[in-house]
């Protein structure tokens, strides 16, 4: 069970959400009460724009929590909707559960509840509220790289890229091999028109992916998303001479062109 959880969270950190979802769902088949897997799965669904699935997973997180489970009425079924679009009714229901959890904490900050609230407000596009939730959680767990990355992504979504860069750098200072965060930092640099810096972060993310191994020791697959983003950003640096290297995915040649050491 723990192996599936670790595989799922690692795949999510490696910018491979579909693989993460599969592993986390397998973990939850074996242990439905794994709160870490449930929170990670809700975040993955959010990243994949599967809003209803994310909300249903947050309901299950509250339902399985040993302290807060009483907030979910008995008989509430964890039905799975075929639609990915968010239901305002379900969103409000989850919000009420989580507000109830905050009240039960009696003034103490539960970073997990604040993280769940942050995911919830991201789903509804209430980014300022989500930022407040993640920052509140970080008051208790300042060394949590995942939380710093989620804060950064939320700041980026609300067009606060300079603040996002600081959050991503905090995450990477704690977890230098955090590939998703490295890629996110590149995107933030891109939004600030720092295209060369963005390329350097994308290349570092790809180098880390290339050096990784799969669960059976096989070579890791590099992200199509990072490669396509890299190609478009290289065009903005004026290095059109490198298009062939992008098309052939010649990472070594691109490393040399941008002075990236591995």
C-alpha atoms as a PDB file:
ATOM      1  CA  UNK A   1       0.000   0.000   0.000  1.00  0.00           C
ATOM      2  CA  UNK A   2       2.761   2.462   0.986  1.00  0.00           C
ATOM      3  CA  UNK A   3       4.641   1.561  -2.194  1.00  0.00           C
ATOM      4  CA  UNK A   4       1.648   2.581  -4.338  1.00  0.00           C
ATOM      5  CA  UNK A   5       1.304   5.818  -2.350  1.00  0.00           C
ATOM      6  CA  UNK A   6       4.992   6.614  -2.845  1.00  0.00           C
ATOM      7  CA  UNK A   7       4.795   5.779  -6.541  1.00  0.00           C
ATOM      8  CA  UNK A   8       1.761   8.024  -6.946  1.00  0.00           C
ATOM      9  CA  UNK A   9       3.198  11.030  -5.139  1.00  0.00           C
ATOM     10  CA  UNK A  10       6.526  10.610  -6.942  1.00  0.00           C
ATOM     11  CA  UNK A  11       4.813  10.505 -10.328  1.00  0.00           C
ATOM     12  CA  UNK A  12       2.920  13.690  -9.430  1.00  0.00           C
ATOM     13  CA  UNK A  13       6.173  15.427  -8.482  1.00  0.00           C
ATOM     14  CA  UNK A  14       7.605  14.203 -11.798  1.00  0.00           C
ATOM     15  CA  UNK A  15       4.930  16.073 -13.828  1.00  0.00           C
ATOM     16  CA  UNK A  16       3.103  12.854 -14.742  1.00  0.00           C
ATOM     17  CA  UNK A  17      -0.368  13.252 -13.263  1.00  0.00           C
ATOM     18  CA  UNK A  18      -2.166  10.489 -15.247  1.00  0.00           C
ATOM     19  CA  UNK A  19       0.354   7.924 -13.971  1.00  0.00           C
ATOM     20  CA  UNK A  20       0.044   9.388 -10.468  1.00  0.00           C
ATOM     21  CA  UNK A  21      -3.740   9.037 -10.545  1.00  0.00           C
ATOM     22  CA  UNK A  22      -3.492   5.354 -11.504  1.00  0.00           C
ATOM     23  CA  UNK A  23      -1.037   4.585  -8.695  1.00  0.00           C
ATOM     24  CA  UNK A  24      -2.965   6.558  -6.061  1.00  0.00           C
ATOM     25  CA  UNK A  25      -6.241   4.889  -7.001  1.00  0.00           C
ATOM     26  CA  UNK A  26      -4.547   1.495  -6.606  1.00  0.00           C
ATOM     27  CA  UNK A  27      -3.273   2.590  -3.184  1.00  0.00           C
ATOM     28  CA  UNK A  28      -6.791   3.588  -2.143  1.00  0.00           C
ATOM     29  CA  UNK A  29      -8.229   0.276  -3.320  1.00  0.00           C
ATOM     30  CA  UNK A  30      -5.920  -1.381  -0.806  1.00  0.00           C
ATOM     31  CA  UNK A  31      -6.372   1.216   1.946  1.00  0.00           C
ATOM     32  CA  UNK A  32      -9.326   3.610   1.453  1.00  0.00           C
ATOM     33  CA  UNK A  33      -8.329   5.588   4.550  1.00  0.00           C
ATOM     34  CA  UNK A  34      -4.912   6.697   3.306  1.00  0.00           C
ATOM     35  CA  UNK A  35      -5.254  10.447   3.836  1.00  0.00           C
ATOM     36  CA  UNK A  36      -1.990  11.325   2.099  1.00  0.00           C
ATOM     37  CA  UNK A  37      -3.065   9.467  -1.032  1.00  0.00           C
ATOM     38  CA  UNK A  38      -6.514  11.091  -0.978  1.00  0.00           C
ATOM     39  CA  UNK A  39      -5.072  14.608  -0.748  1.00  0.00           C
ATOM     40  CA  UNK A  40      -2.538  13.873  -3.475  1.00  0.00           C
ATOM     41  CA  UNK A  41      -5.279  12.451  -5.689  1.00  0.00           C
ATOM     42  CA  UNK A  42      -7.462  15.536  -5.191  1.00  0.00           C
ATOM     43  CA  UNK A  43      -4.519  17.723  -6.253  1.00  0.00           C
ATOM     44  CA  UNK A  44      -3.887  15.551  -9.333  1.00  0.00           C
ATOM     45  CA  UNK A  45      -7.531  15.772 -10.377  1.00  0.00           C
ATOM     46  CA  UNK A  46      -7.331  19.547  -9.955  1.00  0.00           C
ATOM     47  CA  UNK A  47      -4.256  19.692 -12.188  1.00  0.00           C
ATOM     48  CA  UNK A  48      -6.072  17.592 -14.802  1.00  0.00           C
ATOM     49  CA  UNK A  49      -9.156  19.890 -14.668  1.00  0.00           C
ATOM     50  CA  UNK A  50     -11.291  17.021 -13.337  1.00  0.00           C
ATOM     51  CA  UNK A  51     -13.101  19.271 -10.911  1.00  0.00           C
ATOM     52  CA  UNK A  52     -15.918  17.005  -9.820  1.00  0.00           C
ATOM     53  CA  UNK A  53     -13.535  14.124  -9.186  1.00  0.00           C
ATOM     54  CA  UNK A  54     -11.373  16.449  -7.080  1.00  0.00           C
ATOM     55  CA  UNK A  55     -14.368  17.539  -4.995  1.00  0.00           C
ATOM     56  CA  UNK A  56     -15.530  13.961  -4.492  1.00  0.00           C
ATOM     57  CA  UNK A  57     -12.036  13.023  -3.347  1.00  0.00           C
ATOM     58  CA  UNK A  58     -12.030  15.875  -0.831  1.00  0.00           C
ATOM     59  CA  UNK A  59     -15.347  14.579   0.518  1.00  0.00           C
ATOM     60  CA  UNK A  60     -13.743  11.160   0.913  1.00  0.00           C
ATOM     61  CA  UNK A  61     -10.767  12.747   2.684  1.00  0.00           C
ATOM     62  CA  UNK A  62     -13.075  14.297   5.297  1.00  0.00           C
ATOM     63  CA  UNK A  63     -15.101  11.086   5.535  1.00  0.00           C
ATOM     64  CA  UNK A  64     -11.995   8.981   6.195  1.00  0.00           C
ATOM     65  CA  UNK A  65     -10.345  11.413   8.605  1.00  0.00           C
ATOM     66  CA  UNK A  66     -10.375  10.043  12.178  1.00  0.00           C
ATOM     67  CA  UNK A  67     -11.049  13.491  13.661  1.00  0.00           C
ATOM     68  CA  UNK A  68     -13.460  14.987  11.111  1.00  0.00           C
ATOM     69  CA  UNK A  69     -15.421  12.028   9.746  1.00  0.00           C
ATOM     70  CA  UNK A  70     -18.504  12.945  11.776  1.00  0.00           C
ATOM     71  CA  UNK A  71     -18.912  16.071   9.640  1.00  0.00           C
ATOM     72  CA  UNK A  72     -20.039  13.907   6.712  1.00  0.00           C
ATOM     73  CA  UNK A  73     -23.596  12.687   7.317  1.00  0.00           C
ATOM     74  CA  UNK A  74     -24.015   8.938   7.670  1.00  0.00           C
ATOM     75  CA  UNK A  75     -25.115   7.319   4.460  1.00  0.00           C
ATOM     76  CA  UNK A  76     -23.254   9.795   2.246  1.00  0.00           C
ATOM     77  CA  UNK A  77     -22.056   7.714  -0.663  1.00  0.00           C
ATOM     78  CA  UNK A  78     -18.837   8.422  -2.522  1.00  0.00           C
ATOM     79  CA  UNK A  79     -20.439   8.322  -5.944  1.00  0.00           C
ATOM     80  CA  UNK A  80     -18.309   9.044  -8.989  1.00  0.00           C
ATOM     81  CA  UNK A  81     -19.724  11.493 -11.489  1.00  0.00           C
ATOM     82  CA  UNK A  82     -19.114  10.961 -15.192  1.00  0.00           C
ATOM     83  CA  UNK A  83     -18.843  14.731 -15.606  1.00  0.00           C
ATOM     84  CA  UNK A  84     -15.618  16.656 -14.940  1.00  0.00           C
ATOM     85  CA  UNK A  85     -17.401  19.996 -14.561  1.00  0.00           C
ATOM     86  CA  UNK A  86     -17.742  21.400 -11.084  1.00  0.00           C
ATOM     87  CA  UNK A  87     -21.048  21.345  -9.278  1.00  0.00           C
ATOM     88  CA  UNK A  88     -21.542  24.488  -7.190  1.00  0.00           C
ATOM     89  CA  UNK A  89     -23.723  22.469  -4.814  1.00  0.00           C
ATOM     90  CA  UNK A  90     -20.959  19.926  -4.252  1.00  0.00           C
ATOM     91  CA  UNK A  91     -18.353  22.686  -3.899  1.00  0.00           C
ATOM     92  CA  UNK A  92     -20.426  24.392  -1.198  1.00  0.00           C
ATOM     93  CA  UNK A  93     -20.932  21.072   0.567  1.00  0.00           C
ATOM     94  CA  UNK A  94     -17.192  20.417   0.695  1.00  0.00           C
ATOM     95  CA  UNK A  95     -16.564  23.984   1.860  1.00  0.00           C
ATOM     96  CA  UNK A  96     -19.011  23.503   4.735  1.00  0.00           C
ATOM     97  CA  UNK A  97     -17.286  20.261   5.748  1.00  0.00           C
ATOM     98  CA  UNK A  98     -13.899  21.956   5.798  1.00  0.00           C
ATOM     99  CA  UNK A  99     -15.157  25.010   7.685  1.00  0.00           C
ATOM    100  CA  UNK A 100     -16.550  22.545  10.190  1.00  0.00           C
ATOM    101  CA  UNK A 101     -13.118  20.952  10.485  1.00  0.00           C
ATOM    102  CA  UNK A 102     -11.558  24.365  11.170  1.00  0.00           C
ATOM    103  CA  UNK A 103     -14.088  24.967  13.953  1.00  0.00           C
ATOM    104  CA  UNK A 104     -13.322  21.551  15.451  1.00  0.00           C
ATOM    105  CA  UNK A 105      -9.630  22.460  15.609  1.00  0.00           C
ATOM    106  CA  UNK A 106     -10.512  25.044  18.273  1.00  0.00           C
ATOM    107  CA  UNK A 107      -8.100  27.726  17.143  1.00  0.00           C
ATOM    108  CA  UNK A 108      -5.213  25.403  16.310  1.00  0.00           C
ATOM    109  CA  UNK A 109      -4.096  25.407  12.675  1.00  0.00           C
ATOM    110  CA  UNK A 110      -4.411  22.033  10.987  1.00  0.00           C
ATOM    111  CA  UNK A 111      -2.195  22.366   7.902  1.00  0.00           C
ATOM    112  CA  UNK A 112      -3.950  19.478   6.160  1.00  0.00           C
ATOM    113  CA  UNK A 113      -7.329  21.180   6.434  1.00  0.00           C
ATOM    114  CA  UNK A 114      -5.806  24.435   5.174  1.00  0.00           C
ATOM    115  CA  UNK A 115      -4.273  22.534   2.251  1.00  0.00           C
ATOM    116  CA  UNK A 116      -7.642  20.985   1.437  1.00  0.00           C
ATOM    117  CA  UNK A 117      -9.205  24.463   1.542  1.00  0.00           C
ATOM    118  CA  UNK A 118      -6.480  25.721  -0.782  1.00  0.00           C
ATOM    119  CA  UNK A 119      -7.240  22.965  -3.299  1.00  0.00           C
ATOM    120  CA  UNK A 120     -10.956  23.723  -2.986  1.00  0.00           C
ATOM    121  CA  UNK A 121     -10.543  27.454  -3.673  1.00  0.00           C
ATOM    122  CA  UNK A 122      -8.262  26.706  -6.612  1.00  0.00           C
ATOM    123  CA  UNK A 123     -11.084  24.661  -8.120  1.00  0.00           C
ATOM    124  CA  UNK A 124     -13.424  27.648  -7.973  1.00  0.00           C
ATOM    125  CA  UNK A 125     -10.797  30.144  -9.150  1.00  0.00           C
ATOM    126  CA  UNK A 126     -10.747  31.950  -5.784  1.00  0.00           C
ATOM    127  CA  UNK A 127      -6.986  32.227  -5.862  1.00  0.00           C
ATOM    128  CA  UNK A 128      -6.512  34.909  -3.201  1.00  0.00           C
ATOM    129  CA  UNK A 129      -8.378  32.721  -0.706  1.00  0.00           C
ATOM    130  CA  UNK A 130      -6.314  29.704  -1.749  1.00  0.00           C
ATOM    131  CA  UNK A 131      -3.106  31.700  -1.247  1.00  0.00           C
ATOM    132  CA  UNK A 132      -4.222  32.613   2.278  1.00  0.00           C
ATOM    133  CA  UNK A 133      -4.915  28.939   3.055  1.00  0.00           C
ATOM    134  CA  UNK A 134      -1.546  27.698   1.831  1.00  0.00           C
ATOM    135  CA  UNK A 135       0.277  30.486   3.668  1.00  0.00           C
ATOM    136  CA  UNK A 136      -1.598  29.618   6.856  1.00  0.00           C
ATOM    137  CA  UNK A 137      -0.572  25.966   6.476  1.00  0.00           C
ATOM    138  CA  UNK A 138       3.056  26.993   5.942  1.00  0.00           C
ATOM    139  CA  UNK A 139       3.044  28.764   9.310  1.00  0.00           C
ATOM    140  CA  UNK A 140       2.888  25.270  10.815  1.00  0.00           C
ATOM    141  CA  UNK A 141       4.909  23.309   8.225  1.00  0.00           C
ATOM    142  CA  UNK A 142       7.424  25.753   6.696  1.00  0.00           C
ATOM    143  CA  UNK A 143       9.619  22.922   5.360  1.00  0.00           C
ATOM    144  CA  UNK A 144       6.880  21.370   3.232  1.00  0.00           C
ATOM    145  CA  UNK A 145       8.070  21.622  -0.388  1.00  0.00           C
ATOM    146  CA  UNK A 146       4.708  20.452  -1.755  1.00  0.00           C
ATOM    147  CA  UNK A 147       2.936  23.287   0.025  1.00  0.00           C
ATOM    148  CA  UNK A 148       5.416  25.855  -1.268  1.00  0.00           C
ATOM    149  CA  UNK A 149       4.877  24.553  -4.793  1.00  0.00           C
ATOM    150  CA  UNK A 150       1.105  24.710  -4.424  1.00  0.00           C
ATOM    151  CA  UNK A 151       1.409  28.254  -3.120  1.00  0.00           C
ATOM    152  CA  UNK A 152       3.587  29.135  -6.106  1.00  0.00           C
ATOM    153  CA  UNK A 153       1.175  27.605  -8.594  1.00  0.00           C
ATOM    154  CA  UNK A 154      -1.734  29.480  -7.029  1.00  0.00           C
ATOM    155  CA  UNK A 155       0.153  32.776  -7.136  1.00  0.00           C
ATOM    156  CA  UNK A 156       0.981  32.104 -10.785  1.00  0.00           C
ATOM    157  CA  UNK A 157      -2.675  31.404 -11.536  1.00  0.00           C
ATOM    158  CA  UNK A 158      -3.552  34.788 -10.053  1.00  0.00           C
ATOM    159  CA  UNK A 159      -0.937  36.556 -12.241  1.00  0.00           C
ATOM    160  CA  UNK A 160       1.502  37.124  -9.380  1.00  0.00           C
ATOM    161  CA  UNK A 161       4.508  35.556 -11.066  1.00  0.00           C
ATOM    162  CA  UNK A 162       7.208  37.395  -9.095  1.00  0.00           C
ATOM    163  CA  UNK A 163       5.760  36.081  -5.823  1.00  0.00           C
ATOM    164  CA  UNK A 164       5.395  32.658  -7.423  1.00  0.00           C
ATOM    165  CA  UNK A 165       9.124  32.603  -8.221  1.00  0.00           C
ATOM    166  CA  UNK A 166       9.934  33.136  -4.535  1.00  0.00           C
ATOM    167  CA  UNK A 167       7.593  30.319  -3.492  1.00  0.00           C
ATOM    168  CA  UNK A 168       9.065  27.913  -6.045  1.00  0.00           C
ATOM    169  CA  UNK A 169      12.603  28.771  -4.944  1.00  0.00           C
ATOM    170  CA  UNK A 170      11.643  28.002  -1.349  1.00  0.00           C
ATOM    171  CA  UNK A 171      10.293  24.621  -2.456  1.00  0.00           C
ATOM    172  CA  UNK A 172      13.461  23.825  -4.410  1.00  0.00           C
ATOM    173  CA  UNK A 173      15.692  24.837  -1.508  1.00  0.00           C
ATOM    174  CA  UNK A 174      13.933  22.099   0.484  1.00  0.00           C
ATOM    175  CA  UNK A 175      13.619  19.567  -2.339  1.00  0.00           C
ATOM    176  CA  UNK A 176      16.109  20.297  -5.164  1.00  0.00           C
ATOM    177  CA  UNK A 177      14.917  17.309  -7.215  1.00  0.00           C
ATOM    178  CA  UNK A 178      11.288  18.432  -7.332  1.00  0.00           C
ATOM    179  CA  UNK A 179      10.752  18.259 -11.107  1.00  0.00           C
ATOM    180  CA  UNK A 180       7.239  19.708 -11.257  1.00  0.00           C
ATOM    181  CA  UNK A 181       8.373  22.690  -9.212  1.00  0.00           C
ATOM    182  CA  UNK A 182      11.394  23.225 -11.462  1.00  0.00           C
ATOM    183  CA  UNK A 183       9.101  23.221 -14.496  1.00  0.00           C
ATOM    184  CA  UNK A 184       6.675  25.579 -12.742  1.00  0.00           C
ATOM    185  CA  UNK A 185       9.555  27.937 -11.980  1.00  0.00           C
ATOM    186  CA  UNK A 186      10.370  27.947 -15.692  1.00  0.00           C
ATOM    187  CA  UNK A 187       6.787  28.866 -16.524  1.00  0.00           C
ATOM    188  CA  UNK A 188       6.872  31.722 -13.995  1.00  0.00           C
ATOM    189  CA  UNK A 189      10.089  33.008 -15.605  1.00  0.00           C
ATOM    190  CA  UNK A 190       8.407  32.747 -19.010  1.00  0.00           C
ATOM    191  CA  UNK A 191       5.488  34.851 -17.752  1.00  0.00           C
ATOM    192  CA  UNK A 192       8.018  37.452 -16.608  1.00  0.00           C
ATOM    193  CA  UNK A 193       9.566  37.411 -20.121  1.00  0.00           C
ATOM    194  CA  UNK A 194      12.794  35.924 -18.747  1.00  0.00           C
ATOM    195  CA  UNK A 195      12.947  33.429 -21.585  1.00  0.00           C
ATOM    196  CA  UNK A 196      16.522  32.250 -21.252  1.00  0.00           C
ATOM    197  CA  UNK A 197      16.043  31.569 -17.546  1.00  0.00           C
ATOM    198  CA  UNK A 198      12.854  29.676 -18.392  1.00  0.00           C
ATOM    199  CA  UNK A 199      14.735  27.511 -20.905  1.00  0.00           C
ATOM    200  CA  UNK A 200      17.406  26.746 -18.312  1.00  0.00           C
ATOM    201  CA  UNK A 201      14.778  25.537 -15.818  1.00  0.00           C
ATOM    202  CA  UNK A 202      13.017  23.398 -18.449  1.00  0.00           C
ATOM    203  CA  UNK A 203      16.333  21.787 -19.390  1.00  0.00           C
ATOM    204  CA  UNK A 204      17.126  21.095 -15.751  1.00  0.00           C
ATOM    205  CA  UNK A 205      13.717  19.449 -15.352  1.00  0.00           C
ATOM    206  CA  UNK A 206      14.305  17.274 -18.426  1.00  0.00           C
ATOM    207  CA  UNK A 207      17.774  16.306 -17.213  1.00  0.00           C
ATOM    208  CA  UNK A 208      16.329  15.199 -13.886  1.00  0.00           C
ATOM    209  CA  UNK A 209      13.646  13.181 -15.654  1.00  0.00           C
ATOM    210  CA  UNK A 210      16.221  11.528 -17.904  1.00  0.00           C
ATOM    211  CA  UNK A 211      18.326  10.507 -14.922  1.00  0.00           C
ATOM    212  CA  UNK A 212      15.348   8.938 -13.173  1.00  0.00           C
ATOM    213  CA  UNK A 213      14.272   5.321 -13.239  1.00  0.00           C
ATOM    214  CA  UNK A 214      10.831   3.729 -13.403  1.00  0.00           C
ATOM    215  CA  UNK A 215       9.437   1.379 -10.734  1.00  0.00           C
ATOM    216  CA  UNK A 216      11.021  -1.632 -12.492  1.00  0.00           C
ATOM    217  CA  UNK A 217      14.357   0.049 -13.127  1.00  0.00           C
ATOM    218  CA  UNK A 218      13.520   1.101 -16.668  1.00  0.00           C
ATOM    219  CA  UNK A 219      14.647   4.437 -18.077  1.00  0.00           C
ATOM    220  CA  UNK A 220      12.288   7.276 -17.226  1.00  0.00           C
ATOM    221  CA  UNK A 221      10.239   8.877 -19.998  1.00  0.00           C
ATOM    222  CA  UNK A 222      10.717  12.619 -20.430  1.00  0.00           C
ATOM    223  CA  UNK A 223       7.611  14.797 -20.452  1.00  0.00           C
ATOM    224  CA  UNK A 224       6.068  15.715 -23.805  1.00  0.00           C
ATOM    225  CA  UNK A 225       4.633  18.810 -22.130  1.00  0.00           C
ATOM    226  CA  UNK A 226       8.036  20.071 -21.015  1.00  0.00           C
ATOM    227  CA  UNK A 227       9.553  19.413 -24.447  1.00  0.00           C
ATOM    228  CA  UNK A 228       6.816  21.302 -26.295  1.00  0.00           C
ATOM    229  CA  UNK A 229       7.020  24.212 -23.856  1.00  0.00           C
ATOM    230  CA  UNK A 230      10.799  24.248 -24.228  1.00  0.00           C
ATOM    231  CA  UNK A 231      10.622  24.425 -28.018  1.00  0.00           C
ATOM    232  CA  UNK A 232       8.268  27.409 -27.980  1.00  0.00           C
ATOM    233  CA  UNK A 233      10.386  29.236 -25.416  1.00  0.00           C
ATOM    234  CA  UNK A 234      13.621  28.639 -27.315  1.00  0.00           C
ATOM    235  CA  UNK A 235      11.985  30.340 -30.304  1.00  0.00           C
ATOM    236  CA  UNK A 236      11.499  33.445 -28.170  1.00  0.00           C
ATOM    237  CA  UNK A 237      15.202  33.510 -27.269  1.00  0.00           C
ATOM    238  CA  UNK A 238      15.995  33.878 -30.972  1.00  0.00           C
ATOM    239  CA  UNK A 239      17.795  30.527 -31.172  1.00  0.00           C
ATOM    240  CA  UNK A 240      15.938  29.249 -34.224  1.00  0.00           C
ATOM    241  CA  UNK A 241      19.121  27.331 -35.091  1.00  0.00           C
ATOM    242  CA  UNK A 242      18.189  24.899 -32.317  1.00  0.00           C
ATOM    243  CA  UNK A 243      14.819  23.804 -33.733  1.00  0.00           C
ATOM    244  CA  UNK A 244      16.281  20.581 -35.107  1.00  0.00           C
ATOM    245  CA  UNK A 245      17.713  19.711 -31.682  1.00  0.00           C
ATOM    246  CA  UNK A 246      14.270  20.302 -30.191  1.00  0.00           C
ATOM    247  CA  UNK A 247      12.583  18.110 -32.792  1.00  0.00           C
ATOM    248  CA  UNK A 248      15.060  15.265 -32.273  1.00  0.00           C
ATOM    249  CA  UNK A 249      15.064  15.821 -28.503  1.00  0.00           C
ATOM    250  CA  UNK A 250      18.834  16.107 -28.423  1.00  0.00           C
ATOM    251  CA  UNK A 251      19.102  17.051 -24.777  1.00  0.00           C
ATOM    252  CA  UNK A 252      22.909  16.947 -24.722  1.00  0.00           C
ATOM    253  CA  UNK A 253      23.172  19.457 -27.573  1.00  0.00           C
ATOM    254  CA  UNK A 254      20.689  21.797 -25.906  1.00  0.00           C
ATOM    255  CA  UNK A 255      22.573  21.511 -22.629  1.00  0.00           C
ATOM    256  CA  UNK A 256      25.719  22.649 -24.419  1.00  0.00           C
ATOM    257  CA  UNK A 257      23.918  25.517 -26.150  1.00  0.00           C
ATOM    258  CA  UNK A 258      22.666  26.903 -22.838  1.00  0.00           C
ATOM    259  CA  UNK A 259      25.679  25.932 -20.688  1.00  0.00           C
ATOM    260  CA  UNK A 260      23.733  23.470 -18.555  1.00  0.00           C
ATOM    261  CA  UNK A 261      25.920  21.052 -16.609  1.00  0.00           C
ATOM    262  CA  UNK A 262      24.570  17.674 -15.520  1.00  0.00           C
END
